[in-house]
Amino acid sequence: MTMDIAATEPRAGFAPIRTARPRRYLMTAPTFFTVEYVINPWMDASSPVDTARAVTQWETLRQTYLALGHSVEVIDPIPGLPDMVYAANGGTVVNGRAAVARFAHAERAGEAVAYADWMRRNGYEPFETRHVNEGQGDFLTVGDVLLAGYGFRTDRRAHDEVAAHVGLPVASLQLVDPRFYHLDTALAVLDDATVAYYPPAFSEESRAALARMFPGAIQVASADAYVLGLNVVSDGLNVVLPAAATGFAEELTRAGFRPVGVDLSELLKGGGSVKCCTLEVFS
């Protein structure tokens, strides 16, 4: 079921009061991170990767979450799964229910097994969709609604499967620029009613839907989008984002959020940044 969200805008000249809420995150260290194959436009198998630097950058992100008062659980990385660091793709956990990923590319299929094991150990029975779904890469929760992306990875038919399992209505959004192959590369959830997005990443119909659902949304510039500046994690006040997205950081400050920049430039070589590395558990 597609649903519109009634967004509220603050009075002119006044930034709304933002409130942080403790969150629960799941991450996997990039111990075995390399670019061994090419499955998105950001990847270049001939470009060298400094795995040790990637681990250091990832650890800074983990420590940032802890310093902000959030809990972080870590899944052990598995040799031969270099993209496992992008934990967000492992599944969707909302309303105490979990849907495990069904990856589009065979190179990543083994990751689903590891994330399904974590779900079982933590009291979630992992639901398996019939169609391709790439977890929180393409399923983002805004309040009590799922925004779901399709066009490059997740099959649109999986939207209804996941939404029915977790018990939330879904709004489907079509991605049209291969550089923004997952929804979380083109749209950021900032709180229960506020998003930011990059309009050119979406079809005309989806842009119209976003404008209708979120009339007060932040629309980011190309310079920020092209460093995956929208690949963020927000607790409602603090927005952890790529340090290079300086224009977006200024927009966030004006909107009453608190931007927290981190450098994940090494992990950008695989096509991911802050959100890609973070699966949020909505209990």
Protein backbone atom coordinates (compact mmCIF):
# COMPACT_ATOMS: atom_id res chain seq x y z
CA MET A 1 0.00 0.00 0.00
CA THR A 2 1.38 3.39 -0.97
CA MET A 3 0.99 6.12 1.61
CA ASP A 4 1.57 9.85 1.69
CA ILE A 5 3.18 11.43 4.74
CA ALA A 6 1.84 14.72 6.01
CA ALA A 7 4.94 16.75 6.78
CA THR A 8 4.92 19.80 9.01
CA GLU A 9 7.13 22.82 8.46
CA PRO A 10 8.46 25.15 11.14
CA ARG A 11 7.42 28.79 11.17
CA ALA A 12 9.48 30.98 8.90
CA GLY A 13 12.71 32.06 10.58
CA PHE A 14 12.54 29.40 13.28
CA ALA A 15 14.48 26.14 13.29
CA PRO A 16 12.52 23.35 14.97
CA ILE A 17 13.75 21.87 18.24
CA ARG A 18 15.48 18.56 17.47
CA THR A 19 15.81 15.71 19.93
CA ALA A 20 18.28 12.83 19.85
CA ARG A 21 17.06 9.32 20.62
CA PRO A 22 19.39 6.43 21.56
CA ARG A 23 19.70 3.98 18.70
CA ARG A 24 20.84 0.40 18.19
CA TYR A 25 23.22 -0.24 15.31
CA LEU A 26 24.74 -3.33 13.73
CA MET A 27 28.13 -3.11 11.98
CA THR A 28 30.77 -5.36 10.42
CA ALA A 29 34.45 -4.39 10.31
CA PRO A 30 36.10 -4.10 6.85
CA THR A 31 38.81 -6.59 7.79
CA PHE A 32 38.62 -8.21 4.34
CA PHE A 33 37.55 -5.15 2.37
CA THR A 34 38.89 -4.86 -1.17
CA VAL A 35 37.41 -4.07 -4.56
CA GLU A 36 37.64 -7.45 -6.27
CA TYR A 37 34.72 -7.08 -8.66
CA VAL A 38 32.60 -4.28 -10.10
CA ILE A 39 28.88 -4.16 -9.34
CA ASN A 40 28.30 -0.41 -9.11
CA PRO A 41 29.75 2.70 -10.82
CA TRP A 42 31.86 3.64 -7.79
CA MET A 43 33.95 0.48 -7.97
CA ASP A 44 37.21 0.17 -9.88
CA ALA A 45 38.91 -3.19 -9.47
CA SER A 46 42.18 -1.72 -10.76
CA SER A 47 42.26 0.97 -8.06
CA PRO A 48 44.31 0.09 -4.96
CA VAL A 49 42.50 -0.21 -1.64
CA ASP A 50 44.17 0.42 1.71
CA THR A 51 42.33 -2.08 3.89
CA ALA A 52 44.11 -0.99 7.07
CA ARG A 53 43.00 2.60 6.45
CA ALA A 54 39.46 1.41 5.81
CA VAL A 55 39.48 -0.36 9.18
CA THR A 56 40.73 2.79 10.92
CA GLN A 57 38.04 4.93 9.29
CA TRP A 58 35.36 2.37 10.15
CA GLU A 59 36.51 2.28 13.78
CA THR A 60 36.24 6.08 13.94
CA LEU A 61 32.62 5.75 12.78
CA ARG A 62 31.90 3.12 15.43
CA GLN A 63 33.46 5.25 18.16
CA THR A 64 31.43 8.24 16.95
CA TYR A 65 28.20 6.31 17.51
CA LEU A 66 29.32 5.22 20.96
CA ALA A 67 30.28 8.79 21.90
CA LEU A 68 26.79 9.92 20.86
CA GLY A 69 25.25 7.42 23.29
CA HIS A 70 24.20 4.70 20.86
CA SER A 71 24.74 0.95 21.13
CA VAL A 72 26.75 -0.86 18.47
CA GLU A 73 26.83 -4.61 17.94
CA VAL A 74 29.47 -6.08 15.65
CA ILE A 75 29.16 -9.13 13.40
CA ASP A 76 32.39 -10.93 12.64
CA PRO A 77 33.55 -10.38 9.05
CA ILE A 78 33.95 -13.42 6.80
CA PRO A 79 36.88 -13.97 4.41
CA GLY A 80 35.80 -13.84 0.79
CA LEU A 81 32.98 -11.37 1.45
CA PRO A 82 34.70 -7.99 0.91
CA ASP A 83 31.42 -6.02 0.82
CA MET A 84 30.15 -7.37 4.14
CA VAL A 85 31.22 -4.08 5.74
CA TYR A 86 28.13 -2.54 4.13
CA ALA A 87 25.93 -3.89 6.92
CA ALA A 88 22.86 -1.88 5.96
CA ASN A 89 22.33 -4.18 3.00
CA GLY A 90 22.05 -7.25 5.24
CA GLY A 91 18.36 -6.82 6.03
CA THR A 92 15.58 -4.74 7.49
CA VAL A 93 14.60 -4.93 11.18
CA VAL A 94 11.44 -3.01 12.08
CA ASN A 95 8.65 -3.52 14.62
CA GLY A 96 10.45 -6.48 16.11
CA ARG A 97 10.44 -8.29 12.76
CA ALA A 98 13.31 -8.97 10.41
CA ALA A 99 13.59 -9.49 6.66
CA VAL A 100 16.97 -10.77 5.53
CA ALA A 101 18.49 -9.61 2.26
CA ARG A 102 18.25 -11.49 -1.03
CA PHE A 103 21.14 -10.00 -2.97
CA ALA A 104 21.05 -9.19 -6.66
CA HIS A 105 24.67 -10.28 -7.21
CA ALA A 106 26.04 -13.73 -6.43
CA GLU A 107 29.24 -12.19 -5.01
CA ARG A 108 27.29 -10.91 -2.00
CA ALA A 109 24.92 -13.84 -1.41
CA GLY A 110 26.96 -15.25 1.48
CA GLU A 111 26.43 -12.07 3.48
CA ALA A 112 22.73 -12.89 3.88
CA VAL A 113 23.60 -16.08 5.73
CA ALA A 114 25.68 -14.20 8.31
CA TYR A 115 23.00 -11.56 8.91
CA ALA A 116 20.27 -14.21 9.14
CA ASP A 117 22.34 -15.98 11.81
CA TRP A 118 22.57 -12.74 13.79
CA MET A 119 18.81 -12.29 13.53
CA ARG A 120 18.14 -15.77 14.90
CA ARG A 121 20.62 -15.34 17.76
CA ASN A 122 18.88 -12.13 18.74
CA GLY A 123 15.31 -13.41 18.71
CA TYR A 124 14.28 -12.46 15.18
CA GLU A 125 13.06 -15.06 12.73
CA PRO A 126 14.53 -13.93 9.40
CA PHE A 127 11.89 -13.61 6.70
CA GLU A 128 13.10 -14.46 3.20
CA THR A 129 11.55 -12.59 0.30
CA ARG A 130 10.84 -14.27 -3.03
CA HIS A 131 12.27 -11.29 -4.89
CA VAL A 132 15.55 -9.42 -4.63
CA ASN A 133 15.77 -7.03 -1.68
CA GLU A 134 18.93 -5.38 -0.41
CA GLY A 135 17.88 -4.50 3.10
CA GLN A 136 18.19 -0.98 4.41
CA GLY A 137 20.04 -0.02 1.28
CA ASP A 138 16.58 0.24 -0.27
CA PHE A 139 14.21 0.24 2.74
CA LEU A 140 14.29 3.35 4.93
CA THR A 141 11.88 3.89 7.82
CA VAL A 142 10.34 7.34 8.24
CA GLY A 143 8.05 7.37 11.27
CA ASP A 144 5.62 4.52 10.64
CA VAL A 145 6.15 4.33 6.88
CA LEU A 146 8.69 2.49 4.72
CA LEU A 147 10.27 4.31 1.82
CA ALA A 148 11.44 1.67 -0.64
CA GLY A 149 13.75 2.10 -3.61
CA TYR A 150 13.86 0.17 -6.88
CA GLY A 151 15.43 0.46 -10.29
CA PHE A 152 18.89 -1.08 -9.86
CA ARG A 153 18.96 -3.62 -7.01
CA THR A 154 15.76 -4.27 -5.06
CA ASP A 155 12.87 -5.67 -7.07
CA ARG A 156 9.75 -3.53 -6.69
CA ARG A 157 7.76 -6.70 -5.97
CA ALA A 158 9.80 -7.14 -2.79
CA HIS A 159 8.44 -3.86 -1.43
CA ASP A 160 5.05 -5.35 -0.62
CA GLU A 161 6.67 -8.52 0.74
CA VAL A 162 8.80 -6.64 3.26
CA ALA A 163 6.11 -4.11 4.13
CA ALA A 164 3.57 -6.84 4.86
CA HIS A 165 6.07 -8.73 7.02
CA VAL A 166 7.01 -5.75 9.19
CA GLY A 167 3.47 -4.35 9.24
CA LEU A 168 4.08 -0.92 7.70
CA PRO A 169 2.71 0.84 4.62
CA VAL A 170 5.21 1.40 1.83
CA ALA A 171 5.94 4.20 -0.61
CA SER A 172 7.90 3.01 -3.66
CA LEU A 173 10.47 5.33 -5.25
CA GLN A 174 12.22 4.73 -8.57
CA LEU A 175 15.95 5.40 -8.90
CA VAL A 176 17.16 6.35 -12.38
CA ASP A 177 20.85 7.29 -12.00
CA PRO A 178 23.15 4.24 -11.61
CA ARG A 179 25.50 6.22 -9.36
CA PHE A 180 22.66 6.16 -6.84
CA TYR A 181 21.92 2.48 -7.04
CA HIS A 182 20.40 2.18 -3.56
CA LEU A 183 17.83 4.47 -1.96
CA ASP A 184 20.19 5.25 0.92
CA THR A 185 22.66 6.83 -1.51
CA ALA A 186 20.04 9.32 -2.76
CA LEU A 187 17.83 9.97 0.27
CA ALA A 188 18.55 10.52 3.97
CA VAL A 189 16.07 10.07 6.81
CA LEU A 190 16.75 12.79 9.37
CA ASP A 191 13.89 12.26 11.83
CA ASP A 192 10.39 10.78 11.88
CA ALA A 193 9.04 13.38 9.45
CA THR A 194 12.08 14.93 7.75
CA VAL A 195 14.19 13.74 4.83
CA ALA A 196 16.82 15.11 2.46
CA TYR A 197 17.27 13.89 -1.08
CA TYR A 198 18.91 14.45 -4.45
CA PRO A 199 16.12 15.03 -7.01
CA PRO A 200 18.01 13.98 -10.19
CA ALA A 201 18.47 10.47 -8.74
CA PHE A 202 14.71 9.84 -8.99
CA SER A 203 12.18 9.44 -11.77
CA GLU A 204 9.84 12.34 -12.44
CA GLU A 205 6.95 10.49 -10.80
CA SER A 206 9.00 9.74 -7.68
CA ARG A 207 10.22 13.33 -7.45
CA ALA A 208 6.60 14.44 -7.48
CA ALA A 209 5.76 11.91 -4.77
CA LEU A 210 8.64 13.12 -2.58
CA ALA A 211 7.61 16.75 -3.02
CA ARG A 212 4.09 15.82 -1.98
CA MET A 213 5.12 13.70 1.00
CA PHE A 214 7.90 15.98 2.25
CA PRO A 215 7.29 19.59 1.20
CA GLY A 216 9.90 20.79 3.70
CA ALA A 217 12.63 18.35 2.63
CA ILE A 218 16.22 19.43 2.12
CA GLN A 219 17.26 19.06 -1.52
CA VAL A 220 21.01 18.63 -1.76
CA ALA A 221 23.32 19.86 -4.50
CA SER A 222 25.27 17.64 -6.88
CA ALA A 223 28.58 18.38 -5.14
CA ASP A 224 27.29 16.77 -1.95
CA ALA A 225 25.43 13.94 -3.67
CA TYR A 226 28.54 12.95 -5.64
CA VAL A 227 30.48 12.24 -2.43
CA LEU A 228 27.57 10.11 -1.17
CA GLY A 229 26.71 12.94 1.19
CA LEU A 230 23.17 11.61 1.63
CA ASN A 231 24.42 8.29 2.95
CA VAL A 232 23.93 9.37 6.56
CA VAL A 233 22.76 8.10 9.93
CA SER A 234 20.65 10.39 12.11
CA ASP A 235 19.37 10.03 15.66
CA GLY A 236 16.93 12.92 15.23
CA LEU A 237 19.48 15.57 16.18
CA ASN A 238 23.00 14.38 15.36
CA VAL A 239 23.50 13.55 11.70
CA VAL A 240 26.62 11.49 11.02
CA LEU A 241 27.59 12.14 7.40
CA PRO A 242 30.59 12.03 5.06
CA ALA A 243 32.97 14.85 5.97
CA ALA A 244 33.24 15.93 2.33
CA ALA A 245 29.54 16.89 2.17
CA THR A 246 30.16 20.38 3.51
CA GLY A 247 27.25 22.08 1.77
CA PHE A 248 24.80 19.56 3.14
CA ALA A 249 26.30 20.02 6.61
CA GLU A 250 25.53 23.73 6.40
CA GLU A 251 21.94 22.98 5.33
CA LEU A 252 21.55 20.61 8.28
CA THR A 253 22.77 23.24 10.72
CA ARG A 254 20.27 25.77 9.38
CA ALA A 255 17.51 23.18 9.81
CA GLY A 256 18.37 22.66 13.48
CA PHE A 257 20.34 19.44 13.14
CA ARG A 258 23.88 18.86 14.37
CA PRO A 259 26.13 17.53 11.58
CA VAL A 260 28.96 15.18 12.59
CA GLY A 261 31.40 14.61 9.73
CA VAL A 262 33.47 11.45 9.38
CA ASP A 263 35.95 10.46 6.69
CA LEU A 264 35.08 7.14 5.02
CA SER A 265 36.91 7.89 1.78
CA GLU A 266 38.48 4.44 1.58
CA LEU A 267 35.10 2.72 1.86
CA LEU A 268 33.71 5.05 -0.80
CA LYS A 269 35.83 3.07 -3.27
CA GLY A 270 33.32 0.24 -2.86
CA GLY A 271 30.33 2.53 -3.28
CA GLY A 272 29.38 3.03 0.35
CA SER A 273 29.65 5.44 3.24
CA VAL A 274 28.11 6.05 6.67
CA LYS A 275 24.66 4.53 6.24
CA CYS A 276 25.91 1.67 4.11
CA CYS A 277 28.09 0.63 7.04
CA THR A 278 25.21 0.80 9.53
CA LEU A 279 22.15 -1.42 9.91
CA GLU A 280 19.73 0.19 12.36
CA VAL A 281 17.61 -2.12 14.49
CA PHE A 282 14.12 -0.73 15.04
CA SER A 283 12.82 -2.95 17.85
